């Protein structure tokens, strides 16, 4: 009974936290915001930056690739409350099934959400699964990150990023980066772009 209650409660707490931070922070956007007429792409963000992503891509309905682990279930239920579907699987559990599902959805013209370093890291290191998904589907990545002037970092493997309320925040959205015919070259390109967008966000308020 306790586990069932927590499974019901935690996604709703995440949803409420997201909603409160969305409203209390003065957000700015750098780069093109998501709109339904965009050609499909892989929406790529680090695992630590999941919390505010639904606001950054308002109007996007998913799917987002989310781990089958218990924590992934909480996230999947929370983003469902925000109107975003998920595909459950990862490099460690359910990966082959989720990969094929994502390929099918990509070929139908869907934009897909991925955390290139999930579900267990190393943090902020692009894993080969994202590269293979991009090469197989033909979709480019578009890196996105956010930062706020004030924030907390959790003691988790990804040092999960939690904005503090009543501050300023920025979303930085990169341009499409397409895969090449070489996995290692594509991996390097994707890592470079993810790092670039993260760096712009992290230092956006340095002189403010």
C-alpha atoms as a PDB file:
ATOM      1  CA  UNK A   1       0.000   0.000   0.000  1.00  0.00           C
ATOM      2  CA  UNK A   2       2.837   2.405   0.907  1.00  0.00           C
ATOM      3  CA  UNK A   3       4.607   1.758  -2.414  1.00  0.00           C
ATOM      4  CA  UNK A   4       1.371   2.363  -4.301  1.00  0.00           C
ATOM      5  CA  UNK A   5       0.822   5.629  -2.449  1.00  0.00           C
ATOM      6  CA  UNK A   6       4.374   6.796  -3.199  1.00  0.00           C
ATOM      7  CA  UNK A   7       3.940   5.822  -6.857  1.00  0.00           C
ATOM      8  CA  UNK A   8       0.868   8.066  -6.915  1.00  0.00           C
ATOM      9  CA  UNK A   9       2.321  10.897  -4.824  1.00  0.00           C
ATOM     10  CA  UNK A  10       5.840  11.421  -6.202  1.00  0.00           C
ATOM     11  CA  UNK A  11       4.855  12.186  -9.829  1.00  0.00           C
ATOM     12  CA  UNK A  12       2.341  14.745  -8.552  1.00  0.00           C
ATOM     13  CA  UNK A  13       4.964  16.388  -6.359  1.00  0.00           C
ATOM     14  CA  UNK A  14       7.281  16.603  -9.372  1.00  0.00           C
ATOM     15  CA  UNK A  15       4.448  18.115 -11.407  1.00  0.00           C
ATOM     16  CA  UNK A  16       3.690  20.690  -8.694  1.00  0.00           C
ATOM     17  CA  UNK A  17       7.381  21.595  -8.324  1.00  0.00           C
ATOM     18  CA  UNK A  18       7.703  22.043 -12.086  1.00  0.00           C
ATOM     19  CA  UNK A  19       4.592  24.224 -12.195  1.00  0.00           C
ATOM     20  CA  UNK A  20       5.725  26.408  -9.276  1.00  0.00           C
ATOM     21  CA  UNK A  21       9.196  26.953 -10.762  1.00  0.00           C
ATOM     22  CA  UNK A  22       7.768  27.666 -14.203  1.00  0.00           C
ATOM     23  CA  UNK A  23       5.631  30.460 -12.784  1.00  0.00           C
ATOM     24  CA  UNK A  24       8.052  31.932 -10.254  1.00  0.00           C
ATOM     25  CA  UNK A  25      11.148  32.200 -12.452  1.00  0.00           C
ATOM     26  CA  UNK A  26      11.660  34.880 -15.108  1.00  0.00           C
ATOM     27  CA  UNK A  27      12.663  32.720 -18.068  1.00  0.00           C
ATOM     28  CA  UNK A  28      14.488  33.817 -21.206  1.00  0.00           C
ATOM     29  CA  UNK A  29      15.043  31.796 -24.375  1.00  0.00           C
ATOM     30  CA  UNK A  30      18.133  31.693 -26.588  1.00  0.00           C
ATOM     31  CA  UNK A  31      17.555  29.942 -29.898  1.00  0.00           C
ATOM     32  CA  UNK A  32      14.445  28.808 -31.717  1.00  0.00           C
ATOM     33  CA  UNK A  33      11.661  27.593 -29.439  1.00  0.00           C
ATOM     34  CA  UNK A  34       9.799  24.403 -30.290  1.00  0.00           C
ATOM     35  CA  UNK A  35       6.794  24.692 -32.598  1.00  0.00           C
ATOM     36  CA  UNK A  36       4.703  22.012 -34.265  1.00  0.00           C
ATOM     37  CA  UNK A  37       5.849  22.916 -37.793  1.00  0.00           C
ATOM     38  CA  UNK A  38       9.498  22.112 -37.063  1.00  0.00           C
ATOM     39  CA  UNK A  39      10.996  19.164 -38.960  1.00  0.00           C
ATOM     40  CA  UNK A  40      11.425  16.235 -36.515  1.00  0.00           C
ATOM     41  CA  UNK A  41      14.623  15.955 -34.479  1.00  0.00           C
ATOM     42  CA  UNK A  42      16.088  14.347 -31.369  1.00  0.00           C
ATOM     43  CA  UNK A  43      15.422  16.697 -28.470  1.00  0.00           C
ATOM     44  CA  UNK A  44      18.590  16.072 -26.442  1.00  0.00           C
ATOM     45  CA  UNK A  45      19.202  17.199 -22.867  1.00  0.00           C
ATOM     46  CA  UNK A  46      21.279  15.942 -19.974  1.00  0.00           C
ATOM     47  CA  UNK A  47      19.604  13.741 -17.371  1.00  0.00           C
ATOM     48  CA  UNK A  48      20.144  16.389 -14.692  1.00  0.00           C
ATOM     49  CA  UNK A  49      18.048  18.904 -16.633  1.00  0.00           C
ATOM     50  CA  UNK A  50      14.825  16.886 -17.019  1.00  0.00           C
ATOM     51  CA  UNK A  51      12.758  18.887 -14.524  1.00  0.00           C
ATOM     52  CA  UNK A  52      11.988  22.009 -16.575  1.00  0.00           C
ATOM     53  CA  UNK A  53      12.148  20.549 -20.091  1.00  0.00           C
ATOM     54  CA  UNK A  54       8.357  20.268 -20.561  1.00  0.00           C
ATOM     55  CA  UNK A  55       8.134  24.064 -20.256  1.00  0.00           C
ATOM     56  CA  UNK A  56      10.923  24.624 -22.778  1.00  0.00           C
ATOM     57  CA  UNK A  57       9.084  22.598 -25.427  1.00  0.00           C
ATOM     58  CA  UNK A  58       5.491  23.582 -24.662  1.00  0.00           C
ATOM     59  CA  UNK A  59       3.164  21.929 -27.160  1.00  0.00           C
ATOM     60  CA  UNK A  60       5.410  18.922 -27.757  1.00  0.00           C
ATOM     61  CA  UNK A  61       3.613  15.671 -26.917  1.00  0.00           C
ATOM     62  CA  UNK A  62       6.569  13.278 -26.960  1.00  0.00           C
ATOM     63  CA  UNK A  63       7.616  10.576 -26.874  1.00  0.00           C
ATOM     64  CA  UNK A  64      10.458  10.856 -24.409  1.00  0.00           C
ATOM     65  CA  UNK A  65      12.730   7.847 -23.891  1.00  0.00           C
ATOM     66  CA  UNK A  66      12.659   7.089 -20.148  1.00  0.00           C
ATOM     67  CA  UNK A  67      14.294   4.291 -18.187  1.00  0.00           C
ATOM     68  CA  UNK A  68      12.294   1.271 -16.984  1.00  0.00           C
ATOM     69  CA  UNK A  69      13.840   1.656 -13.530  1.00  0.00           C
ATOM     70  CA  UNK A  70      11.627   2.812 -10.636  1.00  0.00           C
ATOM     71  CA  UNK A  71      12.828   6.411 -10.829  1.00  0.00           C
ATOM     72  CA  UNK A  72      11.972   6.355 -14.520  1.00  0.00           C
ATOM     73  CA  UNK A  73       8.420   5.344 -13.661  1.00  0.00           C
ATOM     74  CA  UNK A  74       8.057   8.437 -11.465  1.00  0.00           C
ATOM     75  CA  UNK A  75       9.374  10.651 -14.268  1.00  0.00           C
ATOM     76  CA  UNK A  76       7.182   8.999 -16.896  1.00  0.00           C
ATOM     77  CA  UNK A  77       4.075   9.518 -14.766  1.00  0.00           C
ATOM     78  CA  UNK A  78       5.049  13.131 -14.034  1.00  0.00           C
ATOM     79  CA  UNK A  79       5.593  14.065 -17.684  1.00  0.00           C
ATOM     80  CA  UNK A  80       2.330  12.307 -18.553  1.00  0.00           C
ATOM     81  CA  UNK A  81       0.604  14.799 -16.257  1.00  0.00           C
ATOM     82  CA  UNK A  82       2.254  17.494 -18.393  1.00  0.00           C
ATOM     83  CA  UNK A  83       0.899  15.989 -21.624  1.00  0.00           C
ATOM     84  CA  UNK A  84       4.079  14.233 -22.794  1.00  0.00           C
ATOM     85  CA  UNK A  85       4.097  10.558 -23.724  1.00  0.00           C
ATOM     86  CA  UNK A  86       7.048   8.310 -22.980  1.00  0.00           C
ATOM     87  CA  UNK A  87       8.688   5.219 -24.375  1.00  0.00           C
ATOM     88  CA  UNK A  88      10.120   3.043 -21.609  1.00  0.00           C
ATOM     89  CA  UNK A  89      13.569   1.524 -21.994  1.00  0.00           C
ATOM     90  CA  UNK A  90      17.280   2.245 -21.713  1.00  0.00           C
ATOM     91  CA  UNK A  91      20.713   0.879 -22.448  1.00  0.00           C
ATOM     92  CA  UNK A  92      20.328  -1.444 -19.453  1.00  0.00           C
ATOM     93  CA  UNK A  93      16.673  -2.512 -19.495  1.00  0.00           C
ATOM     94  CA  UNK A  94      14.158  -2.798 -22.331  1.00  0.00           C
ATOM     95  CA  UNK A  95      16.528  -1.030 -24.677  1.00  0.00           C
ATOM     96  CA  UNK A  96      16.008  -3.041 -27.872  1.00  0.00           C
ATOM     97  CA  UNK A  97      12.233  -2.777 -27.697  1.00  0.00           C
ATOM     98  CA  UNK A  98      12.296   0.948 -26.950  1.00  0.00           C
ATOM     99  CA  UNK A  99      14.872   1.553 -29.692  1.00  0.00           C
ATOM    100  CA  UNK A 100      12.675  -0.070 -32.336  1.00  0.00           C
ATOM    101  CA  UNK A 101       9.651   1.821 -31.105  1.00  0.00           C
ATOM    102  CA  UNK A 102      11.521   5.115 -31.320  1.00  0.00           C
ATOM    103  CA  UNK A 103      12.697   4.330 -34.855  1.00  0.00           C
ATOM    104  CA  UNK A 104       9.121   3.636 -35.929  1.00  0.00           C
ATOM    105  CA  UNK A 105       7.920   6.884 -34.398  1.00  0.00           C
ATOM    106  CA  UNK A 106      10.770   8.833 -36.001  1.00  0.00           C
ATOM    107  CA  UNK A 107       9.804   7.495 -39.418  1.00  0.00           C
ATOM    108  CA  UNK A 108       6.261   8.711 -38.793  1.00  0.00           C
ATOM    109  CA  UNK A 109       7.572  12.249 -38.307  1.00  0.00           C
ATOM    110  CA  UNK A 110       7.756  12.480 -34.505  1.00  0.00           C
ATOM    111  CA  UNK A 111      10.273  14.535 -32.589  1.00  0.00           C
ATOM    112  CA  UNK A 112      11.849  12.290 -29.932  1.00  0.00           C
ATOM    113  CA  UNK A 113      13.186  13.237 -26.509  1.00  0.00           C
ATOM    114  CA  UNK A 114      16.394  11.630 -25.242  1.00  0.00           C
ATOM    115  CA  UNK A 115      18.845  12.022 -22.378  1.00  0.00           C
ATOM    116  CA  UNK A 116      22.176  11.068 -24.006  1.00  0.00           C
ATOM    117  CA  UNK A 117      23.833  10.322 -20.649  1.00  0.00           C
ATOM    118  CA  UNK A 118      20.939   8.385 -19.078  1.00  0.00           C
ATOM    119  CA  UNK A 119      19.920   6.405 -17.211  1.00  0.00           C
ATOM    120  CA  UNK A 120      23.075   5.962 -15.112  1.00  0.00           C
ATOM    121  CA  UNK A 121      25.797   8.026 -16.743  1.00  0.00           C
ATOM    122  CA  UNK A 122      28.581   8.920 -16.731  1.00  0.00           C
ATOM    123  CA  UNK A 123      26.973  12.319 -16.280  1.00  0.00           C
ATOM    124  CA  UNK A 124      27.095  14.648 -19.299  1.00  0.00           C
ATOM    125  CA  UNK A 125      28.784  12.071 -21.517  1.00  0.00           C
ATOM    126  CA  UNK A 126      26.942  11.143 -24.714  1.00  0.00           C
ATOM    127  CA  UNK A 127      26.312   7.404 -24.934  1.00  0.00           C
ATOM    128  CA  UNK A 128      26.381   5.463 -28.194  1.00  0.00           C
ATOM    129  CA  UNK A 129      22.646   4.722 -28.020  1.00  0.00           C
ATOM    130  CA  UNK A 130      21.800   8.301 -28.969  1.00  0.00           C
ATOM    131  CA  UNK A 131      24.270   8.159 -31.850  1.00  0.00           C
ATOM    132  CA  UNK A 132      22.778   4.934 -33.190  1.00  0.00           C
ATOM    133  CA  UNK A 133      19.242   6.276 -32.839  1.00  0.00           C
ATOM    134  CA  UNK A 134      20.183   9.377 -34.825  1.00  0.00           C
ATOM    135  CA  UNK A 135      22.019   7.437 -37.531  1.00  0.00           C
ATOM    136  CA  UNK A 136      19.257   4.852 -37.880  1.00  0.00           C
ATOM    137  CA  UNK A 137      16.418   7.383 -37.945  1.00  0.00           C
ATOM    138  CA  UNK A 138      18.246  10.087 -39.878  1.00  0.00           C
ATOM    139  CA  UNK A 139      17.157  12.663 -37.304  1.00  0.00           C
ATOM    140  CA  UNK A 140      19.577  15.367 -36.128  1.00  0.00           C
ATOM    141  CA  UNK A 141      19.973  16.225 -32.472  1.00  0.00           C
ATOM    142  CA  UNK A 142      19.033  19.618 -31.109  1.00  0.00           C
ATOM    143  CA  UNK A 143      20.776  20.148 -27.796  1.00  0.00           C
ATOM    144  CA  UNK A 144      18.918  22.073 -25.107  1.00  0.00           C
ATOM    145  CA  UNK A 145      19.866  23.095 -21.600  1.00  0.00           C
ATOM    146  CA  UNK A 146      18.796  25.527 -18.926  1.00  0.00           C
ATOM    147  CA  UNK A 147      20.327  27.318 -15.981  1.00  0.00           C
ATOM    148  CA  UNK A 148      19.234  29.795 -13.342  1.00  0.00           C
ATOM    149  CA  UNK A 149      21.053  32.438 -11.351  1.00  0.00           C
ATOM    150  CA  UNK A 150      20.355  30.454  -8.178  1.00  0.00           C
ATOM    151  CA  UNK A 151      19.895  26.711  -7.890  1.00  0.00           C
ATOM    152  CA  UNK A 152      20.437  23.542  -5.865  1.00  0.00           C
ATOM    153  CA  UNK A 153      22.329  20.407  -6.922  1.00  0.00           C
ATOM    154  CA  UNK A 154      21.303  17.005  -5.593  1.00  0.00           C
ATOM    155  CA  UNK A 155      23.798  14.379  -4.381  1.00  0.00           C
ATOM    156  CA  UNK A 156      22.793  11.979  -7.163  1.00  0.00           C
ATOM    157  CA  UNK A 157      25.014  10.513  -9.894  1.00  0.00           C
ATOM    158  CA  UNK A 158      23.950  13.307 -12.276  1.00  0.00           C
ATOM    159  CA  UNK A 159      23.959  16.076  -9.615  1.00  0.00           C
ATOM    160  CA  UNK A 160      20.330  16.759 -10.506  1.00  0.00           C
ATOM    161  CA  UNK A 161      19.721  20.474 -11.137  1.00  0.00           C
ATOM    162  CA  UNK A 162      16.889  22.157  -9.225  1.00  0.00           C
ATOM    163  CA  UNK A 163      16.281  25.864  -9.898  1.00  0.00           C
ATOM    164  CA  UNK A 164      15.506  28.033  -6.915  1.00  0.00           C
ATOM    165  CA  UNK A 165      12.260  30.018  -7.133  1.00  0.00           C
ATOM    166  CA  UNK A 166      12.071  33.787  -7.619  1.00  0.00           C
ATOM    167  CA  UNK A 167      15.191  34.080  -9.745  1.00  0.00           C
ATOM    168  CA  UNK A 168      16.073  34.395 -13.441  1.00  0.00           C
ATOM    169  CA  UNK A 169      16.492  31.467 -15.809  1.00  0.00           C
ATOM    170  CA  UNK A 170      17.478  30.763 -19.385  1.00  0.00           C
ATOM    171  CA  UNK A 171      16.841  27.995 -21.874  1.00  0.00           C
ATOM    172  CA  UNK A 172      19.452  27.600 -24.599  1.00  0.00           C
ATOM    173  CA  UNK A 173      18.373  25.689 -27.723  1.00  0.00           C
ATOM    174  CA  UNK A 174      20.924  24.617 -30.321  1.00  0.00           C
ATOM    175  CA  UNK A 175      20.647  24.247 -34.068  1.00  0.00           C
ATOM    176  CA  UNK A 176      20.227  20.787 -35.656  1.00  0.00           C
ATOM    177  CA  UNK A 177      23.401  18.689 -35.771  1.00  0.00           C
ATOM    178  CA  UNK A 178      23.160  15.806 -38.246  1.00  0.00           C
ATOM    179  CA  UNK A 179      24.864  12.428 -37.952  1.00  0.00           C
ATOM    180  CA  UNK A 180      27.624  11.413 -40.347  1.00  0.00           C
ATOM    181  CA  UNK A 181      28.307   7.897 -41.660  1.00  0.00           C
ATOM    182  CA  UNK A 182      30.845   7.303 -38.888  1.00  0.00           C
ATOM    183  CA  UNK A 183      29.751   6.502 -35.330  1.00  0.00           C
ATOM    184  CA  UNK A 184      32.804   7.932 -33.574  1.00  0.00           C
ATOM    185  CA  UNK A 185      32.739  11.121 -35.612  1.00  0.00           C
ATOM    186  CA  UNK A 186      29.031  11.547 -34.874  1.00  0.00           C
ATOM    187  CA  UNK A 187      29.633  10.871 -31.183  1.00  0.00           C
ATOM    188  CA  UNK A 188      32.265  13.625 -31.098  1.00  0.00           C
ATOM    189  CA  UNK A 189      29.974  16.073 -32.925  1.00  0.00           C
ATOM    190  CA  UNK A 190      27.093  15.401 -30.551  1.00  0.00           C
ATOM    191  CA  UNK A 191      29.284  15.689 -27.448  1.00  0.00           C
ATOM    192  CA  UNK A 192      30.702  18.991 -28.683  1.00  0.00           C
ATOM    193  CA  UNK A 193      27.241  20.454 -29.284  1.00  0.00           C
ATOM    194  CA  UNK A 194      25.837  19.253 -25.964  1.00  0.00           C
ATOM    195  CA  UNK A 195      28.839  20.771 -24.172  1.00  0.00           C
ATOM    196  CA  UNK A 196      28.531  24.045 -26.100  1.00  0.00           C
ATOM    197  CA  UNK A 197      24.858  24.561 -25.291  1.00  0.00           C
ATOM    198  CA  UNK A 198      25.438  23.605 -21.648  1.00  0.00           C
ATOM    199  CA  UNK A 199      28.308  26.068 -21.394  1.00  0.00           C
ATOM    200  CA  UNK A 200      26.244  28.942 -22.828  1.00  0.00           C
ATOM    201  CA  UNK A 201      23.469  28.259 -20.323  1.00  0.00           C
ATOM    202  CA  UNK A 202      25.799  27.855 -17.353  1.00  0.00           C
ATOM    203  CA  UNK A 203      27.575  31.175 -18.010  1.00  0.00           C
ATOM    204  CA  UNK A 204      24.593  33.208 -19.238  1.00  0.00           C
ATOM    205  CA  UNK A 205      24.239  35.162 -15.980  1.00  0.00           C
ATOM    206  CA  UNK A 206      27.938  35.539 -15.187  1.00  0.00           C
ATOM    207  CA  UNK A 207      27.992  39.299 -15.857  1.00  0.00           C
ATOM    208  CA  UNK A 208      24.456  40.054 -14.659  1.00  0.00           C
END
